[in-house]
Amino acid sequence: MKTTMNSAEALKRLARQRDLEAWTVLLERHGAAIQRVSRRILGDDALAEDACQETLLQLRDRAGAFTPRPSMPRPPRQAGSSA
């Protein structure tokens, strides 16, 4: 099921009721980026996996402590851009 829930709403729902759909949204939207940053900082796949898991568990356990910033629109892509 596709959801249109944004990250701020997902955090609120996760904090209030440990909502599984909200948790899934956050994992799908941010999990890979957390993994990439962990790998880049630590330089080791196993350590990065541990750091990523710990970060996500902290997110789950402290979701109510986050104050989401207002979303900013993404700038338009430049013609010929591969990104």
N, C-alpha and C. Protein backbone atom coordinates (compact mmCIF):
# COMPACT_ATOMS: atom_id res chain seq x y z
N MET A 1 0.83 -1.18 0.00
CA MET A 1 0.00 0.00 0.00
C MET A 1 0.88 1.25 0.00
N LYS A 2 0.66 2.13 -0.96
CA LYS A 2 1.42 3.37 -1.09
C LYS A 2 0.82 4.42 -0.16
N THR A 3 1.67 5.13 0.56
CA THR A 3 1.19 6.16 1.48
C THR A 3 1.74 7.52 1.07
N THR A 4 1.02 8.55 1.42
CA THR A 4 1.48 9.91 1.16
C THR A 4 1.91 10.59 2.45
N MET A 5 2.07 9.83 3.50
CA MET A 5 2.49 10.36 4.80
C MET A 5 3.89 10.95 4.68
N ASN A 6 4.07 12.19 5.15
CA ASN A 6 5.41 12.77 5.14
C ASN A 6 6.17 12.32 6.39
N SER A 7 7.45 12.62 6.43
CA SER A 7 8.30 12.16 7.54
C SER A 7 7.88 12.75 8.88
N ALA A 8 7.46 14.02 8.87
CA ALA A 8 7.04 14.65 10.13
C ALA A 8 5.82 13.95 10.71
N GLU A 9 4.85 13.66 9.86
CA GLU A 9 3.65 12.94 10.32
C GLU A 9 4.01 11.53 10.77
N ALA A 10 4.92 10.88 10.05
CA ALA A 10 5.34 9.54 10.45
C ALA A 10 6.00 9.56 11.82
N LEU A 11 6.84 10.56 12.08
CA LEU A 11 7.46 10.68 13.41
C LEU A 11 6.42 10.87 14.50
N LYS A 12 5.43 11.72 14.23
CA LYS A 12 4.37 11.95 15.21
C LYS A 12 3.61 10.67 15.51
N ARG A 13 3.25 9.95 14.44
CA ARG A 13 2.50 8.70 14.63
C ARG A 13 3.35 7.65 15.33
N LEU A 14 4.62 7.60 15.00
CA LEU A 14 5.51 6.64 15.66
C LEU A 14 5.63 6.96 17.14
N ALA A 15 5.75 8.24 17.48
CA ALA A 15 5.87 8.65 18.87
C ALA A 15 4.60 8.38 19.66
N ARG A 16 3.46 8.66 19.06
CA ARG A 16 2.19 8.54 19.77
C ARG A 16 1.74 7.10 19.95
N GLN A 17 1.91 6.29 18.91
CA GLN A 17 1.29 4.97 18.97
C GLN A 17 2.13 3.84 18.40
N ARG A 18 3.43 4.08 18.19
CA ARG A 18 4.30 3.03 17.63
C ARG A 18 3.69 2.43 16.37
N ASP A 19 3.18 3.29 15.51
CA ASP A 19 2.47 2.93 14.29
C ASP A 19 3.41 2.22 13.31
N LEU A 20 3.05 1.00 12.93
CA LEU A 20 3.90 0.21 12.03
C LEU A 20 4.02 0.84 10.65
N GLU A 21 2.93 1.40 10.13
CA GLU A 21 3.00 2.05 8.82
C GLU A 21 3.95 3.25 8.87
N ALA A 22 3.90 4.01 9.95
CA ALA A 22 4.80 5.16 10.11
C ALA A 22 6.25 4.69 10.17
N TRP A 23 6.51 3.64 10.90
CA TRP A 23 7.86 3.08 11.01
C TRP A 23 8.36 2.64 9.63
N THR A 24 7.50 1.99 8.87
CA THR A 24 7.86 1.54 7.53
C THR A 24 8.19 2.72 6.62
N VAL A 25 7.38 3.78 6.70
CA VAL A 25 7.63 4.98 5.89
C VAL A 25 9.01 5.54 6.22
N LEU A 26 9.33 5.67 7.50
CA LEU A 26 10.62 6.22 7.89
C LEU A 26 11.78 5.34 7.45
N LEU A 27 11.63 4.04 7.60
CA LEU A 27 12.69 3.12 7.16
C LEU A 27 12.91 3.20 5.66
N GLU A 28 11.83 3.17 4.89
CA GLU A 28 11.96 3.21 3.43
C GLU A 28 12.51 4.54 2.95
N ARG A 29 12.13 5.61 3.61
CA ARG A 29 12.53 6.94 3.17
C ARG A 29 13.95 7.30 3.61
N HIS A 30 14.38 6.84 4.78
CA HIS A 30 15.65 7.32 5.33
C HIS A 30 16.68 6.23 5.65
N GLY A 31 16.27 4.98 5.66
CA GLY A 31 17.17 3.90 6.04
C GLY A 31 18.42 3.80 5.17
N ALA A 32 18.25 3.88 3.86
CA ALA A 32 19.41 3.75 2.96
C ALA A 32 20.39 4.91 3.14
N ALA A 33 19.87 6.11 3.36
CA ALA A 33 20.75 7.27 3.55
C ALA A 33 21.54 7.13 4.86
N ILE A 34 20.88 6.65 5.90
CA ILE A 34 21.58 6.43 7.17
C ILE A 34 22.67 5.39 6.99
N GLN A 35 22.37 4.35 6.24
CA GLN A 35 23.36 3.30 5.96
C GLN A 35 24.55 3.87 5.19
N ARG A 36 24.30 4.68 4.15
CA ARG A 36 25.39 5.26 3.35
C ARG A 36 26.27 6.17 4.19
N VAL A 37 25.67 7.01 5.00
CA VAL A 37 26.45 7.92 5.84
C VAL A 37 27.27 7.13 6.84
N SER A 38 26.68 6.12 7.43
CA SER A 38 27.40 5.27 8.39
C SER A 38 28.61 4.61 7.72
N ARG A 39 28.40 4.09 6.52
CA ARG A 39 29.49 3.43 5.80
C ARG A 39 30.59 4.42 5.45
N ARG A 40 30.19 5.63 5.01
CA ARG A 40 31.18 6.64 4.63
C ARG A 40 31.99 7.08 5.85
N ILE A 41 31.35 7.27 6.98
CA ILE A 41 32.06 7.73 8.18
C ILE A 41 32.94 6.62 8.76
N LEU A 42 32.39 5.41 8.84
CA LEU A 42 33.10 4.33 9.53
C LEU A 42 34.04 3.54 8.62
N GLY A 43 33.76 3.50 7.32
CA GLY A 43 34.64 2.80 6.40
C GLY A 43 34.64 1.29 6.53
N ASP A 44 33.64 0.74 7.19
CA ASP A 44 33.58 -0.70 7.43
C ASP A 44 32.11 -1.12 7.36
N ASP A 45 31.80 -2.09 6.52
CA ASP A 45 30.40 -2.48 6.32
C ASP A 45 29.74 -3.00 7.59
N ALA A 46 30.45 -3.85 8.33
CA ALA A 46 29.86 -4.43 9.55
C ALA A 46 29.60 -3.35 10.61
N LEU A 47 30.57 -2.46 10.80
CA LEU A 47 30.38 -1.36 11.76
C LEU A 47 29.26 -0.43 11.30
N ALA A 48 29.19 -0.18 10.00
CA ALA A 48 28.15 0.69 9.46
C ALA A 48 26.77 0.08 9.68
N GLU A 49 26.65 -1.21 9.49
CA GLU A 49 25.37 -1.89 9.73
C GLU A 49 24.95 -1.76 11.20
N ASP A 50 25.90 -1.95 12.11
CA ASP A 50 25.61 -1.80 13.54
C ASP A 50 25.19 -0.37 13.87
N ALA A 51 25.92 0.59 13.32
CA ALA A 51 25.61 2.00 13.58
C ALA A 51 24.24 2.37 13.01
N CYS A 52 23.94 1.87 11.84
CA CYS A 52 22.65 2.14 11.21
C CYS A 52 21.51 1.56 12.06
N GLN A 53 21.66 0.34 12.49
CA GLN A 53 20.63 -0.28 13.32
C GLN A 53 20.45 0.48 14.63
N GLU A 54 21.54 0.88 15.25
CA GLU A 54 21.45 1.63 16.51
C GLU A 54 20.78 2.98 16.28
N THR A 55 21.12 3.64 15.19
CA THR A 55 20.50 4.93 14.86
C THR A 55 19.00 4.78 14.67
N LEU A 56 18.59 3.75 13.94
CA LEU A 56 17.17 3.54 13.70
C LEU A 56 16.43 3.16 14.99
N LEU A 57 17.07 2.39 15.86
CA LEU A 57 16.44 2.07 17.15
C LEU A 57 16.29 3.32 18.01
N GLN A 58 17.29 4.18 17.98
CA GLN A 58 17.20 5.44 18.72
C GLN A 58 16.07 6.30 18.15
N LEU A 59 15.95 6.34 16.85
CA LEU A 59 14.86 7.07 16.21
C LEU A 59 13.52 6.53 16.71
N ARG A 60 13.37 5.23 16.68
CA ARG A 60 12.12 4.62 17.14
C ARG A 60 11.83 4.96 18.59
N ASP A 61 12.84 4.83 19.44
CA ASP A 61 12.63 5.02 20.87
C ASP A 61 12.48 6.48 21.28
N ARG A 62 13.02 7.39 20.48
CA ARG A 62 12.99 8.82 20.83
C ARG A 62 12.21 9.65 19.82
N ALA A 63 11.32 9.04 19.08
CA ALA A 63 10.58 9.74 18.03
C ALA A 63 9.86 10.98 18.57
N GLY A 64 9.37 10.92 19.78
CA GLY A 64 8.65 12.05 20.36
C GLY A 64 9.53 13.24 20.69
N ALA A 65 10.83 13.05 20.73
CA ALA A 65 11.76 14.13 21.09
C ALA A 65 12.16 14.97 19.88
N PHE A 66 11.88 14.50 18.67
CA PHE A 66 12.27 15.21 17.47
C PHE A 66 11.30 16.34 17.17
N THR A 67 11.83 17.45 16.73
CA THR A 67 11.02 18.57 16.27
C THR A 67 11.27 18.72 14.78
N PRO A 68 10.35 18.21 13.97
CA PRO A 68 10.56 18.28 12.52
C PRO A 68 10.61 19.72 12.03
N ARG A 69 11.51 19.97 11.09
CA ARG A 69 11.57 21.27 10.43
C ARG A 69 10.57 21.29 9.29
N PRO A 70 10.09 22.47 8.92
CA PRO A 70 9.19 22.53 7.77
C PRO A 70 9.89 22.01 6.52
N SER A 71 9.13 21.31 5.70
CA SER A 71 9.68 20.78 4.45
C SER A 71 9.97 21.91 3.48
N MET A 72 11.06 21.76 2.79
CA MET A 72 11.42 22.73 1.75
C MET A 72 11.24 22.05 0.41
N PRO A 73 10.68 22.74 -0.56
CA PRO A 73 10.53 22.12 -1.88
C PRO A 73 11.90 21.87 -2.50
N ARG A 74 11.99 20.80 -3.25
CA ARG A 74 13.24 20.50 -3.95
C ARG A 74 13.37 21.43 -5.14
N PRO A 75 14.59 21.87 -5.43
CA PRO A 75 14.77 22.72 -6.60
C PRO A 75 14.52 21.91 -7.87
N PRO A 76 14.09 22.55 -8.94
CA PRO A 76 13.87 21.81 -10.19
C PRO A 76 15.18 21.27 -10.73
N ARG A 77 15.10 20.13 -11.37
CA ARG A 77 16.29 19.52 -11.97
C ARG A 77 16.68 20.30 -13.20
N GLN A 78 17.98 20.39 -13.41
CA GLN A 78 18.51 21.08 -14.59
C GLN A 78 18.37 20.18 -15.80
N ALA A 79 18.11 20.77 -16.95
CA ALA A 79 18.04 20.01 -18.19
C ALA A 79 19.38 19.32 -18.43
N GLY A 80 19.33 18.07 -18.80
CA GLY A 80 20.55 17.31 -19.07
C GLY A 80 21.19 16.74 -17.82
N SER A 81 20.59 16.97 -16.68
CA SER A 81 21.14 16.45 -15.42
C SER A 81 20.82 14.98 -15.30
N SER A 82 21.79 14.20 -14.83
CA SER A 82 21.56 12.76 -14.66
C SER A 82 21.09 12.44 -13.26
N ALA A 83 21.07 13.42 -12.37
CA ALA A 83 20.65 13.18 -10.97
C ALA A 83 19.17 13.18 -10.80
